[in-house]
Amino acid sequence: MNTQIVVLAVALMMHCISAVEFTFDLADNAVDCFYEEIKKNSSAYFEFQVSAGGQLDVDVTLKDPQGKVIYNLEKATFDSHQFVAETTGV
């Protein structure tokens, strides 16, 4: 019976968690924007890694729907950031 409870709990947790991963090319000095809807009070995790080209660094800025900067890093090769969304939006 305990095994059934664990399996059910894991299945419920997997239903609540979603992830998106993608790879793209970014030319030197180019700007690219990506959008994701996040619900208020949801925990979100953001990670990036530069794998090839140029100086092997990028400037990264993450903003909320009102334009408030949540995260900013310049000339970075890799980093991650976790936050809880203060508002719902894209």
PDB file of N, CA and C in Angstrom:
ATOM      1  N   MET A   1       0.819  -1.197   0.000  1.00  0.00           N
ATOM      2  CA  MET A   1       0.000   0.000   0.000  1.00  0.00           C
ATOM      3  C   MET A   1       0.863   1.260   0.000  1.00  0.00           C
ATOM      4  N   ASN A   2       1.966   1.284   0.728  1.00  0.00           N
ATOM      5  CA  ASN A   2       2.853   2.447   0.740  1.00  0.00           C
ATOM      6  C   ASN A   2       3.409   2.739  -0.637  1.00  0.00           C
ATOM      7  N   THR A   3       3.709   1.697  -1.412  1.00  0.00           N
ATOM      8  CA  THR A   3       4.231   1.880  -2.763  1.00  0.00           C
ATOM      9  C   THR A   3       3.213   2.605  -3.630  1.00  0.00           C
ATOM     10  N   GLN A   4       1.941   2.268  -3.490  1.00  0.00           N
ATOM     11  CA  GLN A   4       0.895   2.925  -4.276  1.00  0.00           C
ATOM     12  C   GLN A   4       0.814   4.414  -3.941  1.00  0.00           C
ATOM     13  N   ILE A   5       0.959   4.746  -2.675  1.00  0.00           N
ATOM     14  CA  ILE A   5       0.904   6.150  -2.263  1.00  0.00           C
ATOM     15  C   ILE A   5       2.082   6.921  -2.846  1.00  0.00           C
ATOM     16  N   VAL A   6       3.270   6.327  -2.807  1.00  0.00           N
ATOM     17  CA  VAL A   6       4.456   6.982  -3.359  1.00  0.00           C
ATOM     18  C   VAL A   6       4.297   7.191  -4.854  1.00  0.00           C
ATOM     19  N   VAL A   7       3.835   6.171  -5.572  1.00  0.00           N
ATOM     20  CA  VAL A   7       3.648   6.282  -7.022  1.00  0.00           C
ATOM     21  C   VAL A   7       2.622   7.366  -7.334  1.00  0.00           C
ATOM     22  N   LEU A   8       1.533   7.412  -6.585  1.00  0.00           N
ATOM     23  CA  LEU A   8       0.520   8.439  -6.799  1.00  0.00           C
ATOM     24  C   LEU A   8       1.087   9.831  -6.520  1.00  0.00           C
ATOM     25  N   ALA A   9       1.852   9.971  -5.457  1.00  0.00           N
ATOM     26  CA  ALA A   9       2.452  11.268  -5.123  1.00  0.00           C
ATOM     27  C   ALA A   9       3.403  11.725  -6.221  1.00  0.00           C
ATOM     28  N   VAL A  10       4.230  10.815  -6.722  1.00  0.00           N
ATOM     29  CA  VAL A  10       5.165  11.158  -7.802  1.00  0.00           C
ATOM     30  C   VAL A  10       4.395  11.538  -9.057  1.00  0.00           C
ATOM     31  N   ALA A  11       3.353  10.797  -9.380  1.00  0.00           N
ATOM     32  CA  ALA A  11       2.550  11.109 -10.566  1.00  0.00           C
ATOM     33  C   ALA A  11       1.908  12.488 -10.441  1.00  0.00           C
ATOM     34  N   LEU A  12       1.404  12.823  -9.264  1.00  0.00           N
ATOM     35  CA  LEU A  12       0.808  14.145  -9.057  1.00  0.00           C
ATOM     36  C   LEU A  12       1.850  15.250  -9.168  1.00  0.00           C
ATOM     37  N   MET A  13       3.037  15.026  -8.619  1.00  0.00           N
ATOM     38  CA  MET A  13       4.101  16.031  -8.707  1.00  0.00           C
ATOM     39  C   MET A  13       4.539  16.226 -10.148  1.00  0.00           C
ATOM     40  N   MET A  14       4.639  15.151 -10.917  1.00  0.00           N
ATOM     41  CA  MET A  14       5.060  15.266 -12.313  1.00  0.00           C
ATOM     42  C   MET A  14       4.028  16.044 -13.116  1.00  0.00           C
ATOM     43  N   HIS A  15       2.762  15.900 -12.766  1.00  0.00           N
ATOM     44  CA  HIS A  15       1.709  16.626 -13.464  1.00  0.00           C
ATOM     45  C   HIS A  15       1.828  18.135 -13.217  1.00  0.00           C
ATOM     46  N   CYS A  16       2.324  18.527 -12.072  1.00  0.00           N
ATOM     47  CA  CYS A  16       2.423  19.940 -11.696  1.00  0.00           C
ATOM     48  C   CYS A  16       3.702  20.610 -12.189  1.00  0.00           C
ATOM     49  N   ILE A  17       4.657  19.836 -12.639  1.00  0.00           N
ATOM     50  CA  ILE A  17       5.953  20.374 -13.049  1.00  0.00           C
ATOM     51  C   ILE A  17       6.061  20.319 -14.566  1.00  0.00           C
ATOM     52  N   SER A  18       6.505  21.411 -15.164  1.00  0.00           N
ATOM     53  CA  SER A  18       6.759  21.401 -16.599  1.00  0.00           C
ATOM     54  C   SER A  18       8.112  22.054 -16.859  1.00  0.00           C
ATOM     55  N   ALA A  19       8.720  21.652 -17.954  1.00  0.00           N
ATOM     56  CA  ALA A  19      10.032  22.197 -18.297  1.00  0.00           C
ATOM     57  C   ALA A  19      10.127  22.358 -19.809  1.00  0.00           C
ATOM     58  N   VAL A  20      10.877  23.352 -20.222  1.00  0.00           N
ATOM     59  CA  VAL A  20      11.120  23.593 -21.634  1.00  0.00           C
ATOM     60  C   VAL A  20      12.617  23.782 -21.807  1.00  0.00           C
ATOM     61  N   GLU A  21      13.168  23.116 -22.792  1.00  0.00           N
ATOM     62  CA  GLU A  21      14.591  23.262 -23.088  1.00  0.00           C
ATOM     63  C   GLU A  21      14.740  23.436 -24.592  1.00  0.00           C
ATOM     64  N   PHE A  22      15.578  24.358 -25.003  1.00  0.00           N
ATOM     65  CA  PHE A  22      15.844  24.522 -26.421  1.00  0.00           C
ATOM     66  C   PHE A  22      17.224  25.122 -26.640  1.00  0.00           C
ATOM     67  N   THR A  23      17.734  24.925 -27.845  1.00  0.00           N
ATOM     68  CA  THR A  23      19.039  25.438 -28.252  1.00  0.00           C
ATOM     69  C   THR A  23      18.825  26.355 -29.452  1.00  0.00           C
ATOM     70  N   PHE A  24      19.544  27.461 -29.505  1.00  0.00           N
ATOM     71  CA  PHE A  24      19.406  28.383 -30.624  1.00  0.00           C
ATOM     72  C   PHE A  24      20.740  29.063 -30.893  1.00  0.00           C
ATOM     73  N   ASP A  25      20.888  29.594 -32.107  1.00  0.00           N
ATOM     74  CA  ASP A  25      22.077  30.358 -32.491  1.00  0.00           C
ATOM     75  C   ASP A  25      21.801  31.841 -32.272  1.00  0.00           C
ATOM     76  N   LEU A  26      22.790  32.541 -31.739  1.00  0.00           N
ATOM     77  CA  LEU A  26      22.690  33.981 -31.517  1.00  0.00           C
ATOM     78  C   LEU A  26      23.933  34.630 -32.112  1.00  0.00           C
ATOM     79  N   ALA A  27      23.733  35.450 -33.136  1.00  0.00           N
ATOM     80  CA  ALA A  27      24.856  36.127 -33.791  1.00  0.00           C
ATOM     81  C   ALA A  27      25.487  37.142 -32.840  1.00  0.00           C
ATOM     82  N   ASP A  28      26.764  37.466 -33.069  1.00  0.00           N
ATOM     83  CA  ASP A  28      27.444  38.474 -32.254  1.00  0.00           C
ATOM     84  C   ASP A  28      26.646  39.775 -32.246  1.00  0.00           C
ATOM     85  N   ASN A  29      26.515  40.381 -31.080  1.00  0.00           N
ATOM     86  CA  ASN A  29      25.810  41.650 -30.873  1.00  0.00           C
ATOM     87  C   ASN A  29      24.313  41.595 -31.187  1.00  0.00           C
ATOM     88  N   ALA A  30      23.761  40.413 -31.369  1.00  0.00           N
ATOM     89  CA  ALA A  30      22.327  40.277 -31.643  1.00  0.00           C
ATOM     90  C   ALA A  30      21.537  40.285 -30.337  1.00  0.00           C
ATOM     91  N   VAL A  31      20.268  40.636 -30.452  1.00  0.00           N
ATOM     92  CA  VAL A  31      19.352  40.604 -29.308  1.00  0.00           C
ATOM     93  C   VAL A  31      18.210  39.662 -29.664  1.00  0.00           C
ATOM     94  N   ASP A  32      17.904  38.735 -28.782  1.00  0.00           N
ATOM     95  CA  ASP A  32      16.807  37.793 -28.982  1.00  0.00           C
ATOM     96  C   ASP A  32      15.946  37.796 -27.730  1.00  0.00           C
ATOM     97  N   CYS A  33      14.630  37.749 -27.896  1.00  0.00           N
ATOM     98  CA  CYS A  33      13.716  37.755 -26.747  1.00  0.00           C
ATOM     99  C   CYS A  33      12.869  36.490 -26.757  1.00  0.00           C
ATOM    100  N   PHE A  34      12.619  35.944 -25.577  1.00  0.00           N
ATOM    101  CA  PHE A  34      11.793  34.756 -25.417  1.00  0.00           C
ATOM    102  C   PHE A  34      10.776  35.040 -24.327  1.00  0.00           C
ATOM    103  N   TYR A  35       9.568  34.502 -24.495  1.00  0.00           N
ATOM    104  CA  TYR A  35       8.484  34.768 -23.558  1.00  0.00           C
ATOM    105  C   TYR A  35       7.898  33.461 -23.054  1.00  0.00           C
ATOM    106  N   GLU A  36       7.498  33.450 -21.797  1.00  0.00           N
ATOM    107  CA  GLU A  36       6.856  32.280 -21.191  1.00  0.00           C
ATOM    108  C   GLU A  36       5.841  32.776 -20.169  1.00  0.00           C
ATOM    109  N   GLU A  37       4.608  32.270 -20.241  1.00  0.00           N
ATOM    110  CA  GLU A  37       3.614  32.653 -19.232  1.00  0.00           C
ATOM    111  C   GLU A  37       3.901  31.904 -17.938  1.00  0.00           C
ATOM    112  N   ILE A  38       3.949  32.649 -16.857  1.00  0.00           N
ATOM    113  CA  ILE A  38       4.184  32.074 -15.531  1.00  0.00           C
ATOM    114  C   ILE A  38       3.091  32.594 -14.609  1.00  0.00           C
ATOM    115  N   LYS A  39       2.471  31.702 -13.879  1.00  0.00           N
ATOM    116  CA  LYS A  39       1.392  32.070 -12.955  1.00  0.00           C
ATOM    117  C   LYS A  39       1.958  32.669 -11.668  1.00  0.00           C
ATOM    118  N   LYS A  40       1.212  33.598 -11.086  1.00  0.00           N
ATOM    119  CA  LYS A  40       1.601  34.230  -9.822  1.00  0.00           C
ATOM    120  C   LYS A  40       1.859  33.164  -8.755  1.00  0.00           C
ATOM    121  N   ASN A  41       2.899  33.379  -7.972  1.00  0.00           N
ATOM    122  CA  ASN A  41       3.330  32.496  -6.877  1.00  0.00           C
ATOM    123  C   ASN A  41       3.895  31.159  -7.341  1.00  0.00           C
ATOM    124  N   SER A  42       4.119  31.009  -8.656  1.00  0.00           N
ATOM    125  CA  SER A  42       4.758  29.797  -9.169  1.00  0.00           C
ATOM    126  C   SER A  42       6.266  29.940  -9.075  1.00  0.00           C
ATOM    127  N   SER A  43       6.927  28.860  -8.761  1.00  0.00           N
ATOM    128  CA  SER A  43       8.383  28.846  -8.740  1.00  0.00           C
ATOM    129  C   SER A  43       8.880  28.604 -10.158  1.00  0.00           C
ATOM    130  N   ALA A  44       9.849  29.379 -10.589  1.00  0.00           N
ATOM    131  CA  ALA A  44      10.405  29.236 -11.936  1.00  0.00           C
ATOM    132  C   ALA A  44      11.920  29.137 -11.838  1.00  0.00           C
ATOM    133  N   TYR A  45      12.501  28.373 -12.740  1.00  0.00           N
ATOM    134  CA  TYR A  45      13.944  28.159 -12.770  1.00  0.00           C
ATOM    135  C   TYR A  45      14.427  28.458 -14.176  1.00  0.00           C
ATOM    136  N   PHE A  46      15.474  29.251 -14.275  1.00  0.00           N
ATOM    137  CA  PHE A  46      16.022  29.687 -15.558  1.00  0.00           C
ATOM    138  C   PHE A  46      17.505  29.337 -15.581  1.00  0.00           C
ATOM    139  N   GLU A  47      17.959  28.758 -16.677  1.00  0.00           N
ATOM    140  CA  GLU A  47      19.375  28.384 -16.806  1.00  0.00           C
ATOM    141  C   GLU A  47      19.816  28.610 -18.246  1.00  0.00           C
ATOM    142  N   PHE A  48      21.056  29.063 -18.432  1.00  0.00           N
ATOM    143  CA  PHE A  48      21.594  29.210 -19.782  1.00  0.00           C
ATOM    144  C   PHE A  48      23.052  28.774 -19.797  1.00  0.00           C
ATOM    145  N   GLN A  49      23.500  28.437 -21.002  1.00  0.00           N
ATOM    146  CA  GLN A  49      24.898  28.043 -21.193  1.00  0.00           C
ATOM    147  C   GLN A  49      25.303  28.388 -22.615  1.00  0.00           C
ATOM    148  N   VAL A  50      26.417  29.096 -22.765  1.00  0.00           N
ATOM    149  CA  VAL A  50      26.969  29.402 -24.081  1.00  0.00           C
ATOM    150  C   VAL A  50      27.851  28.226 -24.470  1.00  0.00           C
ATOM    151  N   SER A  51      27.584  27.640 -25.638  1.00  0.00           N
ATOM    152  CA  SER A  51      28.315  26.430 -26.015  1.00  0.00           C
ATOM    153  C   SER A  51      29.364  26.651 -27.096  1.00  0.00           C
ATOM    154  N   ALA A  52      29.240  27.718 -27.890  1.00  0.00           N
ATOM    155  CA  ALA A  52      30.218  27.929 -28.963  1.00  0.00           C
ATOM    156  C   ALA A  52      30.109  29.350 -29.507  1.00  0.00           C
ATOM    157  N   GLY A  53      31.179  29.787 -30.181  1.00  0.00           N
ATOM    158  CA  GLY A  53      31.156  31.026 -30.933  1.00  0.00           C
ATOM    159  C   GLY A  53      31.579  32.266 -30.173  1.00  0.00           C
ATOM    160  N   GLY A  54      31.971  33.278 -30.933  1.00  0.00           N
ATOM    161  CA  GLY A  54      32.304  34.594 -30.395  1.00  0.00           C
ATOM    162  C   GLY A  54      33.231  34.557 -29.201  1.00  0.00           C
ATOM    163  N   GLN A  55      32.936  35.389 -28.228  1.00  0.00           N
ATOM    164  CA  GLN A  55      33.725  35.467 -26.999  1.00  0.00           C
ATOM    165  C   GLN A  55      33.238  34.471 -25.947  1.00  0.00           C
ATOM    166  N   LEU A  56      32.292  33.621 -26.331  1.00  0.00           N
ATOM    167  CA  LEU A  56      31.695  32.635 -25.419  1.00  0.00           C
ATOM    168  C   LEU A  56      31.036  33.294 -24.215  1.00  0.00           C
ATOM    169  N   ASP A  57      30.417  34.460 -24.442  1.00  0.00           N
ATOM    170  CA  ASP A  57      29.681  35.109 -23.365  1.00  0.00           C
ATOM    171  C   ASP A  57      28.456  35.834 -23.920  1.00  0.00           C
ATOM    172  N   VAL A  58      27.479  36.044 -23.060  1.00  0.00           N
ATOM    173  CA  VAL A  58      26.257  36.757 -23.427  1.00  0.00           C
ATOM    174  C   VAL A  58      25.835  37.659 -22.271  1.00  0.00           C
ATOM    175  N   ASP A  59      25.016  38.648 -22.593  1.00  0.00           N
ATOM    176  CA  ASP A  59      24.356  39.465 -21.582  1.00  0.00           C
ATOM    177  C   ASP A  59      22.924  38.939 -21.473  1.00  0.00           C
ATOM    178  N   VAL A  60      22.470  38.668 -20.263  1.00  0.00           N
ATOM    179  CA  VAL A  60      21.149  38.078 -20.049  1.00  0.00           C
ATOM    180  C   VAL A  60      20.345  38.960 -19.099  1.00  0.00           C
ATOM    181  N   THR A  61      19.106  39.269 -19.492  1.00  0.00           N
ATOM    182  CA  THR A  61      18.201  40.027 -18.634  1.00  0.00           C
ATOM    183  C   THR A  61      16.852  39.324 -18.615  1.00  0.00           C
ATOM    184  N   LEU A  62      16.320  39.136 -17.420  1.00  0.00           N
ATOM    185  CA  LEU A  62      15.006  38.526 -17.229  1.00  0.00           C
ATOM    186  C   LEU A  62      14.103  39.573 -16.586  1.00  0.00           C
ATOM    187  N   LYS A  63      12.941  39.836 -17.227  1.00  0.00           N
ATOM    188  CA  LYS A  63      12.030  40.872 -16.723  1.00  0.00           C
ATOM    189  C   LYS A  63      10.655  40.290 -16.439  1.00  0.00           C
ATOM    190  N   ASP A  64       9.931  40.930 -15.502  1.00  0.00           N
ATOM    191  CA  ASP A  64       8.557  40.522 -15.228  1.00  0.00           C
ATOM    192  C   ASP A  64       7.631  41.194 -16.250  1.00  0.00           C
ATOM    193  N   PRO A  65       6.327  40.886 -16.240  1.00  0.00           N
ATOM    194  CA  PRO A  65       5.408  41.458 -17.238  1.00  0.00           C
ATOM    195  C   PRO A  65       5.341  42.987 -17.236  1.00  0.00           C
ATOM    196  N   GLN A  66       5.692  43.628 -16.124  1.00  0.00           N
ATOM    197  CA  GLN A  66       5.677  45.094 -16.065  1.00  0.00           C
ATOM    198  C   GLN A  66       7.023  45.705 -16.465  1.00  0.00           C
ATOM    199  N   GLY A  67       8.000  44.869 -16.814  1.00  0.00           N
ATOM    200  CA  GLY A  67       9.302  45.362 -17.230  1.00  0.00           C
ATOM    201  C   GLY A  67      10.326  45.471 -16.117  1.00  0.00           C
ATOM    202  N   LYS A  68       9.952  45.093 -14.901  1.00  0.00           N
ATOM    203  CA  LYS A  68      10.884  45.120 -13.767  1.00  0.00           C
ATOM    204  C   LYS A  68      11.940  44.029 -13.954  1.00  0.00           C
ATOM    205  N   VAL A  69      13.201  44.401 -13.794  1.00  0.00           N
ATOM    206  CA  VAL A  69      14.294  43.442 -13.966  1.00  0.00           C
ATOM    207  C   VAL A  69      14.329  42.486 -12.769  1.00  0.00           C
ATOM    208  N   ILE A  70      14.221  41.202 -13.068  1.00  0.00           N
ATOM    209  CA  ILE A  70      14.286  40.154 -12.052  1.00  0.00           C
ATOM    210  C   ILE A  70      15.716  39.634 -11.930  1.00  0.00           C
ATOM    211  N   TYR A  71      16.410  39.612 -13.074  1.00  0.00           N
ATOM    212  CA  TYR A  71      17.754  39.032 -13.126  1.00  0.00           C
ATOM    213  C   TYR A  71      18.516  39.709 -14.250  1.00  0.00           C
ATOM    214  N   ASN A  72      19.785  40.032 -14.007  1.00  0.00           N
ATOM    215  CA  ASN A  72      20.623  40.635 -15.042  1.00  0.00           C
ATOM    216  C   ASN A  72      22.064  40.189 -14.839  1.00  0.00           C
ATOM    217  N   LEU A  73      22.698  39.753 -15.902  1.00  0.00           N
ATOM    218  CA  LEU A  73      24.093  39.330 -15.835  1.00  0.00           C
ATOM    219  C   LEU A  73      24.747  39.653 -17.176  1.00  0.00           C
ATOM    220  N   GLU A  74      25.924  40.246 -17.137  1.00  0.00           N
ATOM    221  CA  GLU A  74      26.636  40.615 -18.361  1.00  0.00           C
ATOM    222  C   GLU A  74      27.880  39.762 -18.541  1.00  0.00           C
ATOM    223  N   LYS A  75      28.184  39.482 -19.805  1.00  0.00           N
ATOM    224  CA  LYS A  75      29.379  38.736 -20.203  1.00  0.00           C
ATOM    225  C   LYS A  75      29.512  37.415 -19.433  1.00  0.00           C
ATOM    226  N   ALA A  76      28.442  36.655 -19.446  1.00  0.00           N
ATOM    227  CA  ALA A  76      28.400  35.383 -18.724  1.00  0.00           C
ATOM    228  C   ALA A  76      28.434  34.211 -19.700  1.00  0.00           C
ATOM    229  N   THR A  77      28.981  33.110 -19.250  1.00  0.00           N
ATOM    230  CA  THR A  77      29.027  31.881 -20.038  1.00  0.00           C
ATOM    231  C   THR A  77      27.968  30.895 -19.571  1.00  0.00           C
ATOM    232  N   PHE A  78      27.692  30.886 -18.276  1.00  0.00           N
ATOM    233  CA  PHE A  78      26.722  29.953 -17.708  1.00  0.00           C
ATOM    234  C   PHE A  78      26.199  30.518 -16.395  1.00  0.00           C
ATOM    235  N   ASP A  79      24.927  30.321 -16.147  1.00  0.00           N
ATOM    236  CA  ASP A  79      24.362  30.673 -14.843  1.00  0.00           C
ATOM    237  C   ASP A  79      22.946  30.122 -14.759  1.00  0.00           C
ATOM    238  N   SER A  80      22.384  30.190 -13.573  1.00  0.00           N
ATOM    239  CA  SER A  80      20.996  29.789 -13.353  1.00  0.00           C
ATOM    240  C   SER A  80      20.390  30.723 -12.313  1.00  0.00           C
ATOM    241  N   HIS A  81      19.068  30.781 -12.319  1.00  0.00           N
ATOM    242  CA  HIS A  81      18.367  31.654 -11.374  1.00  0.00           C
ATOM    243  C   HIS A  81      16.992  31.061 -11.095  1.00  0.00           C
ATOM    244  N   GLN A  82      16.620  31.009  -9.835  1.00  0.00           N
ATOM    245  CA  GLN A  82      15.295  30.538  -9.448  1.00  0.00           C
ATOM    246  C   GLN A  82      14.558  31.673  -8.753  1.00  0.00           C
ATOM    247  N   PHE A  83      13.260  31.804  -9.038  1.00  0.00           N
ATOM    248  CA  PHE A  83      12.474  32.872  -8.432  1.00  0.00           C
ATOM    249  C   PHE A  83      11.013  32.446  -8.329  1.00  0.00           C
ATOM    250  N   VAL A  84      10.259  33.178  -7.546  1.00  0.00           N
ATOM    251  CA  VAL A  84       8.811  32.987  -7.439  1.00  0.00           C
ATOM    252  C   VAL A  84       8.155  34.186  -8.110  1.00  0.00           C
ATOM    253  N   ALA A  85       7.267  33.921  -9.064  1.00  0.00           N
ATOM    254  CA  ALA A  85       6.618  34.994  -9.829  1.00  0.00           C
ATOM    255  C   ALA A  85       5.711  35.824  -8.928  1.00  0.00           C
ATOM    256  N   GLU A  86       5.893  37.135  -8.958  1.00  0.00           N
ATOM    257  CA  GLU A  86       5.071  38.041  -8.152  1.00  0.00           C
ATOM    258  C   GLU A  86       3.736  38.347  -8.816  1.00  0.00           C
ATOM    259  N   THR A  87       3.665  38.172 -10.150  1.00  0.00           N
ATOM    260  CA  THR A  87       2.429  38.403 -10.896  1.00  0.00           C
ATOM    261  C   THR A  87       2.294  37.342 -11.976  1.00  0.00           C
ATOM    262  N   THR A  88       1.083  37.164 -12.478  1.00  0.00           N
ATOM    263  CA  THR A  88       0.855  36.285 -13.622  1.00  0.00           C
ATOM    264  C   THR A  88       1.097  37.092 -14.882  1.00  0.00           C
ATOM    265  N   GLY A  89       1.727  36.488 -15.859  1.00  0.00           N
ATOM    266  CA  GLY A  89       1.925  37.195 -17.117  1.00  0.00           C
ATOM    267  C   GLY A  89       2.959  36.558 -17.999  1.00  0.00           C
ATOM    268  N   VAL A  90       3.149  37.210 -19.128  1.00  0.00           N
ATOM    269  CA  VAL A  90       4.112  36.757 -20.131  1.00  0.00           C
ATOM    270  C   VAL A  90       5.246  37.748 -20.165  1.00  0.00           C
TER     271      VAL A  90
END
